[in-house]
Amino acid sequence: MDLEPIRQHLVAKSFAREQALARSRETIRASANAIRAIHRAEYDAAEALIEQAGSALAAATASLADHPDILHAGFVHDAAKEYGESRIVLALVRGAAIPPPDDLAVDPVSYLHGLAEAVGELRRHLLDLLRRGEVARCEPVLDAMDEMYAALVTIDFPDAMTAGLRRATDNARGLLERTRGDLTLALCLSALERRLTPG
């Protein structure tokens, strides 16, 4: 019995998996560093890191073109989610529209998870604005968070199809409501301060 063709197939599959794992880790690392750069308002650096993440993700996906079982095993999805999140956050912090799925070139479920994760990063951005006293810039950020959550709740499918999106959406709702409360309190305090300030 000649099992050499099967062995060669598994050798190729193992090599492709290792390549994709390395590129997926690179994607996640670059995306996380991009988010940190965004919060420091280093947008050029963030853009460069996001480009690096996108290239690594494309390489990971391409290396598994002949191995769809590994492509959909989970780790490429995680990398695509992180990349999508960084692209969405950068766009919104810069005042641009939420990029649609086709612009990100990630699979639909990864895009949805990136959208849900971006809500948390936007909360952090909004709180940074509040700390700097830039209250007027907060409303558009909260509106974007609200728009994202409103879109996510329309995706009502079993978790097996959406990789547990329901939990991520519930988490986004909690972050949205806490952020709404924080901003409302800040606006009320700002209005009270104006009324109490003489002249």
C-alpha atoms as a PDB file:
ATOM      1  CA  MET A   1       0.000   0.000   0.000  1.00  0.00           C
ATOM      2  CA  ASP A   2       1.444   3.342  -1.076  1.00  0.00           C
ATOM      3  CA  LEU A   3       0.543   6.133   1.334  1.00  0.00           C
ATOM      4  CA  GLU A   4       3.197   8.494   0.040  1.00  0.00           C
ATOM      5  CA  PRO A   5       0.679  10.746  -1.817  1.00  0.00           C
ATOM      6  CA  ILE A   6      -1.302  11.149   1.394  1.00  0.00           C
ATOM      7  CA  ARG A   7       1.845  11.884   3.376  1.00  0.00           C
ATOM      8  CA  GLN A   8       2.884  14.533   0.838  1.00  0.00           C
ATOM      9  CA  HIS A   9      -0.569  16.078   0.978  1.00  0.00           C
ATOM     10  CA  LEU A  10      -0.349  16.331   4.778  1.00  0.00           C
ATOM     11  CA  VAL A  11       3.179  17.750   4.613  1.00  0.00           C
ATOM     12  CA  ALA A  12       1.919  20.483   2.280  1.00  0.00           C
ATOM     13  CA  LYS A  13      -1.099  21.120   4.502  1.00  0.00           C
ATOM     14  CA  SER A  14       1.082  21.361   7.615  1.00  0.00           C
ATOM     15  CA  PHE A  15       3.438  23.800   5.894  1.00  0.00           C
ATOM     16  CA  ALA A  16       0.525  25.955   4.727  1.00  0.00           C
ATOM     17  CA  ARG A  17      -0.923  25.952   8.246  1.00  0.00           C
ATOM     18  CA  GLU A  18       2.356  27.104   9.785  1.00  0.00           C
ATOM     19  CA  GLN A  19       2.664  29.863   7.189  1.00  0.00           C
ATOM     20  CA  ALA A  20      -0.896  31.023   7.816  1.00  0.00           C
ATOM     21  CA  LEU A  21      -0.441  30.943  11.593  1.00  0.00           C
ATOM     22  CA  ALA A  22       2.643  33.149  11.372  1.00  0.00           C
ATOM     23  CA  ARG A  23       0.911  35.635   9.056  1.00  0.00           C
ATOM     24  CA  SER A  24      -2.201  35.632  11.260  1.00  0.00           C
ATOM     25  CA  ARG A  25      -0.104  36.461  14.327  1.00  0.00           C
ATOM     26  CA  GLU A  26       1.537  39.255  12.360  1.00  0.00           C
ATOM     27  CA  THR A  27      -1.900  40.577  11.399  1.00  0.00           C
ATOM     28  CA  ILE A  28      -3.096  40.590  15.003  1.00  0.00           C
ATOM     29  CA  ARG A  29       0.105  42.217  16.281  1.00  0.00           C
ATOM     30  CA  ALA A  30       0.083  44.973  13.639  1.00  0.00           C
ATOM     31  CA  SER A  31      -3.649  45.613  14.153  1.00  0.00           C
ATOM     32  CA  ALA A  32      -3.219  45.929  17.926  1.00  0.00           C
ATOM     33  CA  ASN A  33      -0.312  48.329  17.461  1.00  0.00           C
ATOM     34  CA  ALA A  34      -2.416  50.328  15.004  1.00  0.00           C
ATOM     35  CA  ILE A  35      -5.182  50.696  17.589  1.00  0.00           C
ATOM     36  CA  ARG A  36      -2.630  51.942  20.121  1.00  0.00           C
ATOM     37  CA  ALA A  37      -1.318  54.442  17.570  1.00  0.00           C
ATOM     38  CA  ILE A  38      -4.870  55.637  16.866  1.00  0.00           C
ATOM     39  CA  HIS A  39      -5.434  56.376  20.560  1.00  0.00           C
ATOM     40  CA  ARG A  40      -2.203  58.401  20.555  1.00  0.00           C
ATOM     41  CA  ALA A  41      -3.463  60.296  17.460  1.00  0.00           C
ATOM     42  CA  GLU A  42      -0.532  58.922  15.423  1.00  0.00           C
ATOM     43  CA  TYR A  43      -2.682  58.344  12.376  1.00  0.00           C
ATOM     44  CA  ASP A  44       0.093  57.980   9.785  1.00  0.00           C
ATOM     45  CA  ALA A  45       1.732  55.294  11.886  1.00  0.00           C
ATOM     46  CA  ALA A  46      -1.639  53.601  12.356  1.00  0.00           C
ATOM     47  CA  GLU A  47      -2.257  53.636   8.605  1.00  0.00           C
ATOM     48  CA  ALA A  48       1.125  52.031   7.933  1.00  0.00           C
ATOM     49  CA  LEU A  49       0.494  49.331  10.534  1.00  0.00           C
ATOM     50  CA  ILE A  50      -2.948  48.627   9.102  1.00  0.00           C
ATOM     51  CA  GLU A  51      -1.448  48.252   5.629  1.00  0.00           C
ATOM     52  CA  GLN A  52       1.058  45.791   7.096  1.00  0.00           C
ATOM     53  CA  ALA A  53      -1.774  43.892   8.798  1.00  0.00           C
ATOM     54  CA  GLY A  54      -3.775  43.751   5.568  1.00  0.00           C
ATOM     55  CA  SER A  55      -0.832  42.366   3.614  1.00  0.00           C
ATOM     56  CA  ALA A  56      -0.178  39.722   6.258  1.00  0.00           C
ATOM     57  CA  LEU A  57      -3.847  38.729   6.309  1.00  0.00           C
ATOM     58  CA  ALA A  58      -3.921  38.415   2.521  1.00  0.00           C
ATOM     59  CA  ALA A  59      -0.831  36.198   2.676  1.00  0.00           C
ATOM     60  CA  ALA A  60      -2.408  34.014   5.375  1.00  0.00           C
ATOM     61  CA  THR A  61      -5.562  33.591   3.323  1.00  0.00           C
ATOM     62  CA  ALA A  62      -3.670  32.880   0.100  1.00  0.00           C
ATOM     63  CA  SER A  63      -1.499  30.236   1.738  1.00  0.00           C
ATOM     64  CA  LEU A  64      -4.632  28.280   2.672  1.00  0.00           C
ATOM     65  CA  ALA A  65      -6.357  28.535  -0.699  1.00  0.00           C
ATOM     66  CA  ASP A  66      -6.088  24.750  -1.153  1.00  0.00           C
ATOM     67  CA  HIS A  67      -6.981  23.984   2.460  1.00  0.00           C
ATOM     68  CA  PRO A  68     -10.395  25.480   3.270  1.00  0.00           C
ATOM     69  CA  ASP A  69     -10.763  23.311   6.378  1.00  0.00           C
ATOM     70  CA  ILE A  70      -7.793  25.090   7.970  1.00  0.00           C
ATOM     71  CA  LEU A  71      -8.786  28.465   6.545  1.00  0.00           C
ATOM     72  CA  HIS A  72     -12.055  28.200   8.492  1.00  0.00           C
ATOM     73  CA  ALA A  73     -10.552  26.652  11.633  1.00  0.00           C
ATOM     74  CA  GLY A  74     -10.699  29.958  13.510  1.00  0.00           C
ATOM     75  CA  PHE A  75      -7.304  31.628  13.681  1.00  0.00           C
ATOM     76  CA  VAL A  76      -7.618  33.415  10.323  1.00  0.00           C
ATOM     77  CA  HIS A  77     -11.076  34.611  11.411  1.00  0.00           C
ATOM     78  CA  ASP A  78      -9.530  36.091  14.567  1.00  0.00           C
ATOM     79  CA  ALA A  79      -6.878  37.893  12.524  1.00  0.00           C
ATOM     80  CA  ALA A  80      -9.463  39.209  10.062  1.00  0.00           C
ATOM     81  CA  LYS A  81     -11.618  40.464  12.961  1.00  0.00           C
ATOM     82  CA  GLU A  82      -8.689  42.401  14.448  1.00  0.00           C
ATOM     83  CA  TYR A  83      -7.767  43.866  11.081  1.00  0.00           C
ATOM     84  CA  GLY A  84     -11.368  44.884  10.401  1.00  0.00           C
ATOM     85  CA  GLU A  85     -11.639  46.478  13.832  1.00  0.00           C
ATOM     86  CA  SER A  86      -8.525  48.593  13.281  1.00  0.00           C
ATOM     87  CA  ARG A  87      -9.750  49.783   9.872  1.00  0.00           C
ATOM     88  CA  ILE A  88     -13.178  50.700  11.252  1.00  0.00           C
ATOM     89  CA  VAL A  89     -11.781  52.543  14.276  1.00  0.00           C
ATOM     90  CA  LEU A  90      -9.291  54.557  12.223  1.00  0.00           C
ATOM     91  CA  ALA A  91     -12.001  55.631   9.787  1.00  0.00           C
ATOM     92  CA  LEU A  92     -14.396  56.733  12.513  1.00  0.00           C
ATOM     93  CA  VAL A  93     -11.803  58.517  14.642  1.00  0.00           C
ATOM     94  CA  ARG A  94     -10.828  60.476  11.545  1.00  0.00           C
ATOM     95  CA  GLY A  95     -14.469  61.421  10.993  1.00  0.00           C
ATOM     96  CA  ALA A  96     -15.017  59.195   7.962  1.00  0.00           C
ATOM     97  CA  ALA A  97     -17.889  56.792   7.356  1.00  0.00           C
ATOM     98  CA  ILE A  98     -17.868  53.197   8.561  1.00  0.00           C
ATOM     99  CA  PRO A  99     -16.077  51.262   5.808  1.00  0.00           C
ATOM    100  CA  PRO A 100     -18.310  48.611   4.190  1.00  0.00           C
ATOM    101  CA  PRO A 101     -17.312  44.924   4.194  1.00  0.00           C
ATOM    102  CA  ASP A 102     -16.156  44.939   0.561  1.00  0.00           C
ATOM    103  CA  ASP A 103     -13.634  47.697   1.311  1.00  0.00           C
ATOM    104  CA  LEU A 104     -12.016  45.574   3.995  1.00  0.00           C
ATOM    105  CA  ALA A 105     -11.846  42.371   1.945  1.00  0.00           C
ATOM    106  CA  VAL A 106     -12.579  40.163   4.951  1.00  0.00           C
ATOM    107  CA  ASP A 107     -15.239  37.495   5.293  1.00  0.00           C
ATOM    108  CA  PRO A 108     -18.668  38.706   6.458  1.00  0.00           C
ATOM    109  CA  VAL A 109     -18.605  37.134   9.923  1.00  0.00           C
ATOM    110  CA  SER A 110     -15.136  38.544  10.677  1.00  0.00           C
ATOM    111  CA  TYR A 111     -16.389  41.957   9.576  1.00  0.00           C
ATOM    112  CA  LEU A 112     -19.346  41.749  11.977  1.00  0.00           C
ATOM    113  CA  HIS A 113     -17.076  40.814  14.874  1.00  0.00           C
ATOM    114  CA  GLY A 114     -14.693  43.633  13.971  1.00  0.00           C
ATOM    115  CA  LEU A 115     -17.648  46.016  14.029  1.00  0.00           C
ATOM    116  CA  ALA A 116     -18.684  44.786  17.482  1.00  0.00           C
ATOM    117  CA  GLU A 117     -15.143  45.047  18.844  1.00  0.00           C
ATOM    118  CA  ALA A 118     -14.767  48.566  17.435  1.00  0.00           C
ATOM    119  CA  VAL A 119     -17.523  49.784  19.765  1.00  0.00           C
ATOM    120  CA  GLY A 120     -15.207  49.273  22.747  1.00  0.00           C
ATOM    121  CA  GLU A 121     -12.356  51.191  21.122  1.00  0.00           C
ATOM    122  CA  LEU A 122     -14.709  54.041  20.255  1.00  0.00           C
ATOM    123  CA  ARG A 123     -15.821  54.176  23.883  1.00  0.00           C
ATOM    124  CA  ARG A 124     -12.185  54.608  24.877  1.00  0.00           C
ATOM    125  CA  HIS A 125     -11.770  57.340  22.259  1.00  0.00           C
ATOM    126  CA  LEU A 126     -14.880  59.143  23.502  1.00  0.00           C
ATOM    127  CA  LEU A 127     -13.683  59.003  27.109  1.00  0.00           C
ATOM    128  CA  ASP A 128     -10.333  60.447  26.024  1.00  0.00           C
ATOM    129  CA  LEU A 129     -12.208  63.309  24.348  1.00  0.00           C
ATOM    130  CA  LEU A 130     -14.185  63.905  27.549  1.00  0.00           C
ATOM    131  CA  ARG A 131     -11.007  64.014  29.621  1.00  0.00           C
ATOM    132  CA  ARG A 132      -9.601  66.642  27.278  1.00  0.00           C
ATOM    133  CA  GLY A 133     -12.790  68.664  27.556  1.00  0.00           C
ATOM    134  CA  GLU A 134     -13.678  68.148  23.875  1.00  0.00           C
ATOM    135  CA  VAL A 135     -17.332  67.423  24.634  1.00  0.00           C
ATOM    136  CA  ALA A 136     -18.594  68.743  21.292  1.00  0.00           C
ATOM    137  CA  ARG A 137     -16.664  66.021  19.436  1.00  0.00           C
ATOM    138  CA  CYS A 138     -18.270  63.243  21.471  1.00  0.00           C
ATOM    139  CA  GLU A 139     -21.777  63.209  19.962  1.00  0.00           C
ATOM    140  CA  PRO A 140     -20.625  61.989  16.504  1.00  0.00           C
ATOM    141  CA  VAL A 141     -18.648  59.189  18.158  1.00  0.00           C
ATOM    142  CA  LEU A 142     -21.674  58.091  20.190  1.00  0.00           C
ATOM    143  CA  ASP A 143     -23.826  58.297  17.041  1.00  0.00           C
ATOM    144  CA  ALA A 144     -21.380  55.992  15.229  1.00  0.00           C
ATOM    145  CA  MET A 145     -21.456  53.514  18.111  1.00  0.00           C
ATOM    146  CA  ASP A 146     -25.260  53.607  18.069  1.00  0.00           C
ATOM    147  CA  GLU A 147     -25.331  53.036  14.303  1.00  0.00           C
ATOM    148  CA  MET A 148     -23.020  50.047  14.605  1.00  0.00           C
ATOM    149  CA  TYR A 149     -25.070  48.461  17.378  1.00  0.00           C
ATOM    150  CA  ALA A 150     -28.321  49.098  15.506  1.00  0.00           C
ATOM    151  CA  ALA A 151     -26.875  47.272  12.485  1.00  0.00           C
ATOM    152  CA  LEU A 152     -25.523  44.373  14.556  1.00  0.00           C
ATOM    153  CA  VAL A 153     -28.874  43.593  16.207  1.00  0.00           C
ATOM    154  CA  THR A 154     -30.389  42.952  12.787  1.00  0.00           C
ATOM    155  CA  ILE A 155     -28.103  39.921  12.376  1.00  0.00           C
ATOM    156  CA  ASP A 156     -30.243  37.297  14.072  1.00  0.00           C
ATOM    157  CA  PHE A 157     -28.793  33.923  13.161  1.00  0.00           C
ATOM    158  CA  PRO A 158     -27.578  30.934  15.209  1.00  0.00           C
ATOM    159  CA  ASP A 159     -24.202  31.330  16.903  1.00  0.00           C
ATOM    160  CA  ALA A 160     -22.897  28.399  14.883  1.00  0.00           C
ATOM    161  CA  MET A 161     -23.275  30.565  11.761  1.00  0.00           C
ATOM    162  CA  THR A 162     -21.952  33.796  13.275  1.00  0.00           C
ATOM    163  CA  ALA A 163     -19.175  32.514  15.580  1.00  0.00           C
ATOM    164  CA  GLY A 164     -20.943  33.757  18.705  1.00  0.00           C
ATOM    165  CA  LEU A 165     -21.857  37.205  17.421  1.00  0.00           C
ATOM    166  CA  ARG A 166     -24.814  37.465  19.805  1.00  0.00           C
ATOM    167  CA  ARG A 167     -22.493  37.698  22.815  1.00  0.00           C
ATOM    168  CA  ALA A 168     -20.321  40.316  21.103  1.00  0.00           C
ATOM    169  CA  THR A 169     -23.441  42.314  20.236  1.00  0.00           C
ATOM    170  CA  ASP A 170     -24.690  42.140  23.831  1.00  0.00           C
ATOM    171  CA  ASN A 171     -21.307  43.381  25.008  1.00  0.00           C
ATOM    172  CA  ALA A 172     -21.479  46.247  22.503  1.00  0.00           C
ATOM    173  CA  ARG A 173     -24.911  47.194  23.859  1.00  0.00           C
ATOM    174  CA  GLY A 174     -23.564  47.380  27.397  1.00  0.00           C
ATOM    175  CA  LEU A 175     -20.642  49.557  26.298  1.00  0.00           C
ATOM    176  CA  LEU A 176     -22.978  51.807  24.326  1.00  0.00           C
ATOM    177  CA  GLU A 177     -25.322  52.364  27.263  1.00  0.00           C
ATOM    178  CA  ARG A 178     -22.483  53.069  29.687  1.00  0.00           C
ATOM    179  CA  THR A 179     -20.980  55.507  27.224  1.00  0.00           C
ATOM    180  CA  ARG A 180     -24.327  57.221  26.715  1.00  0.00           C
ATOM    181  CA  GLY A 181     -24.599  57.626  30.482  1.00  0.00           C
ATOM    182  CA  ASP A 182     -21.064  59.007  30.765  1.00  0.00           C
ATOM    183  CA  LEU A 183     -21.651  61.534  28.001  1.00  0.00           C
ATOM    184  CA  THR A 184     -25.054  62.577  29.366  1.00  0.00           C
ATOM    185  CA  LEU A 185     -23.516  63.224  32.773  1.00  0.00           C
ATOM    186  CA  ALA A 186     -20.676  65.220  31.226  1.00  0.00           C
ATOM    187  CA  LEU A 187     -23.109  67.332  29.211  1.00  0.00           C
ATOM    188  CA  CYS A 188     -25.246  68.010  32.282  1.00  0.00           C
ATOM    189  CA  LEU A 189     -22.205  69.036  34.318  1.00  0.00           C
ATOM    190  CA  SER A 190     -21.010  71.259  31.487  1.00  0.00           C
ATOM    191  CA  ALA A 191     -24.411  72.960  31.271  1.00  0.00           C
ATOM    192  CA  LEU A 192     -24.497  73.437  35.062  1.00  0.00           C
ATOM    193  CA  GLU A 193     -21.012  74.927  35.018  1.00  0.00           C
ATOM    194  CA  ARG A 194     -22.042  77.413  32.338  1.00  0.00           C
ATOM    195  CA  ARG A 195     -25.074  78.472  34.364  1.00  0.00           C
ATOM    196  CA  LEU A 196     -22.976  78.959  37.501  1.00  0.00           C
ATOM    197  CA  THR A 197     -20.219  80.904  35.754  1.00  0.00           C
ATOM    198  CA  PRO A 198     -20.748  84.640  36.226  1.00  0.00           C
ATOM    199  CA  GLY A 199     -21.100  86.951  33.199  1.00  0.00           C
END
